[in-house]
Amino acid sequence: MIANLGLWFAIHYLFGEVGAVRAGPLSFEMPRWNSVDPLALLLSVAALIAMLRLKAGMLVIIAACGAAGLLLRTP
């Protein structure tokens, strides 16, 4: 259940457009690959590197990514 929520947030964070796909009784959301947000992808990769290679704590990563996103998106 937690993995499903994490995947939902990741898809909606990284991609601008998401479409519903139905296969019989199953349905899932498929991202439009050409709508990837390069800045969001860059922040995600930076957070992954900070977590795995630099052993940074989760609160530090969240604060740093929040600040970086604010700086990158504010005109």
C-alpha atoms as a PDB file:
ATOM      1  CA  MET A   1       0.000   0.000   0.000  1.00  0.00           C
ATOM      2  CA  ILE A   2       2.815   2.449   0.846  1.00  0.00           C
ATOM      3  CA  ALA A   3       4.678   1.562  -2.368  1.00  0.00           C
ATOM      4  CA  ASN A   4       1.511   2.300  -4.341  1.00  0.00           C
ATOM      5  CA  LEU A   5       1.233   5.740  -2.742  1.00  0.00           C
ATOM      6  CA  GLY A   6       4.918   6.451  -3.364  1.00  0.00           C
ATOM      7  CA  LEU A   7       4.573   5.451  -7.012  1.00  0.00           C
ATOM      8  CA  TRP A   8       1.475   7.642  -7.407  1.00  0.00           C
ATOM      9  CA  PHE A   9       3.313  10.686  -6.012  1.00  0.00           C
ATOM     10  CA  ALA A  10       6.397   9.976  -8.138  1.00  0.00           C
ATOM     11  CA  ILE A  11       4.382   9.735 -11.358  1.00  0.00           C
ATOM     12  CA  HIS A  12       2.453  12.926 -10.654  1.00  0.00           C
ATOM     13  CA  TYR A  13       5.603  14.775  -9.566  1.00  0.00           C
ATOM     14  CA  LEU A  14       7.814  13.810 -12.506  1.00  0.00           C
ATOM     15  CA  PHE A  15       5.285  13.966 -15.336  1.00  0.00           C
ATOM     16  CA  GLY A  16       3.019  16.811 -16.407  1.00  0.00           C
ATOM     17  CA  GLU A  17       0.451  14.534 -18.030  1.00  0.00           C
ATOM     18  CA  VAL A  18      -0.856  11.187 -16.815  1.00  0.00           C
ATOM     19  CA  GLY A  19      -3.509   9.095 -18.551  1.00  0.00           C
ATOM     20  CA  ALA A  20      -5.644   6.243 -17.262  1.00  0.00           C
ATOM     21  CA  VAL A  21      -5.169   2.811 -18.840  1.00  0.00           C
ATOM     22  CA  ARG A  22      -7.765   0.083 -18.395  1.00  0.00           C
ATOM     23  CA  ALA A  23      -7.251  -3.607 -19.036  1.00  0.00           C
ATOM     24  CA  GLY A  24     -10.389  -5.501 -18.115  1.00  0.00           C
ATOM     25  CA  PRO A  25     -11.085  -5.056 -14.398  1.00  0.00           C
ATOM     26  CA  LEU A  26      -7.650  -3.477 -13.796  1.00  0.00           C
ATOM     27  CA  SER A  27      -6.769   0.157 -14.256  1.00  0.00           C
ATOM     28  CA  PHE A  28      -3.592   2.123 -13.680  1.00  0.00           C
ATOM     29  CA  GLU A  29      -2.076   5.465 -14.539  1.00  0.00           C
ATOM     30  CA  MET A  30       0.471   5.639 -17.341  1.00  0.00           C
ATOM     31  CA  PRO A  31       2.611   8.762 -17.638  1.00  0.00           C
ATOM     32  CA  ARG A  32       3.021  10.549 -20.955  1.00  0.00           C
ATOM     33  CA  TRP A  33       6.779  10.135 -21.403  1.00  0.00           C
ATOM     34  CA  ASN A  34       7.161  13.343 -23.411  1.00  0.00           C
ATOM     35  CA  SER A  35       5.756  15.376 -20.493  1.00  0.00           C
ATOM     36  CA  VAL A  36       8.638  14.649 -18.096  1.00  0.00           C
ATOM     37  CA  ASP A  37       9.671  17.656 -16.006  1.00  0.00           C
ATOM     38  CA  PRO A  38      13.488  17.947 -16.290  1.00  0.00           C
ATOM     39  CA  LEU A  39      13.855  20.007 -13.084  1.00  0.00           C
ATOM     40  CA  ALA A  40      11.821  17.506 -11.079  1.00  0.00           C
ATOM     41  CA  LEU A  41      13.906  14.681 -12.528  1.00  0.00           C
ATOM     42  CA  LEU A  42      17.115  16.524 -11.613  1.00  0.00           C
ATOM     43  CA  LEU A  43      15.935  17.070  -8.023  1.00  0.00           C
ATOM     44  CA  SER A  44      14.921  13.412  -7.730  1.00  0.00           C
ATOM     45  CA  VAL A  45      18.314  12.199  -8.920  1.00  0.00           C
ATOM     46  CA  ALA A  46      20.083  14.646  -6.586  1.00  0.00           C
ATOM     47  CA  ALA A  47      17.983  13.413  -3.645  1.00  0.00           C
ATOM     48  CA  LEU A  48      18.753   9.799  -4.534  1.00  0.00           C
ATOM     49  CA  ILE A  49      22.502  10.525  -4.654  1.00  0.00           C
ATOM     50  CA  ALA A  50      22.366  12.443  -1.368  1.00  0.00           C
ATOM     51  CA  MET A  51      20.520   9.594   0.301  1.00  0.00           C
ATOM     52  CA  LEU A  52      22.557   6.662  -1.018  1.00  0.00           C
ATOM     53  CA  ARG A  53      26.067   8.048  -1.485  1.00  0.00           C
ATOM     54  CA  LEU A  54      26.234  10.892   1.044  1.00  0.00           C
ATOM     55  CA  LYS A  55      24.061   9.155   3.678  1.00  0.00           C
ATOM     56  CA  ALA A  56      22.092  12.360   4.253  1.00  0.00           C
ATOM     57  CA  GLY A  57      19.091  12.200   6.556  1.00  0.00           C
ATOM     58  CA  MET A  58      15.542  12.324   5.236  1.00  0.00           C
ATOM     59  CA  LEU A  59      14.699  15.667   6.849  1.00  0.00           C
ATOM     60  CA  VAL A  60      17.832  17.245   5.358  1.00  0.00           C
ATOM     61  CA  ILE A  61      16.960  15.904   1.910  1.00  0.00           C
ATOM     62  CA  ILE A  62      13.357  17.100   2.111  1.00  0.00           C
ATOM     63  CA  ALA A  63      14.431  20.562   3.272  1.00  0.00           C
ATOM     64  CA  ALA A  64      17.148  20.849   0.612  1.00  0.00           C
ATOM     65  CA  CYS A  65      14.869  19.680  -2.204  1.00  0.00           C
ATOM     66  CA  GLY A  66      12.097  21.979  -1.039  1.00  0.00           C
ATOM     67  CA  ALA A  67      14.436  24.957  -0.978  1.00  0.00           C
ATOM     68  CA  ALA A  68      15.955  24.038  -4.350  1.00  0.00           C
ATOM     69  CA  GLY A  69      12.506  23.601  -5.912  1.00  0.00           C
ATOM     70  CA  LEU A  70      11.393  26.944  -4.546  1.00  0.00           C
ATOM     71  CA  LEU A  71      14.486  28.660  -5.925  1.00  0.00           C
ATOM     72  CA  LEU A  72      14.191  26.985  -9.320  1.00  0.00           C
ATOM     73  CA  ARG A  73      10.459  27.670  -9.757  1.00  0.00           C
ATOM     74  CA  THR A  74      10.256  31.211  -8.401  1.00  0.00           C
ATOM     75  CA  PRO A  75      10.536  33.785 -11.207  1.00  0.00           C
END
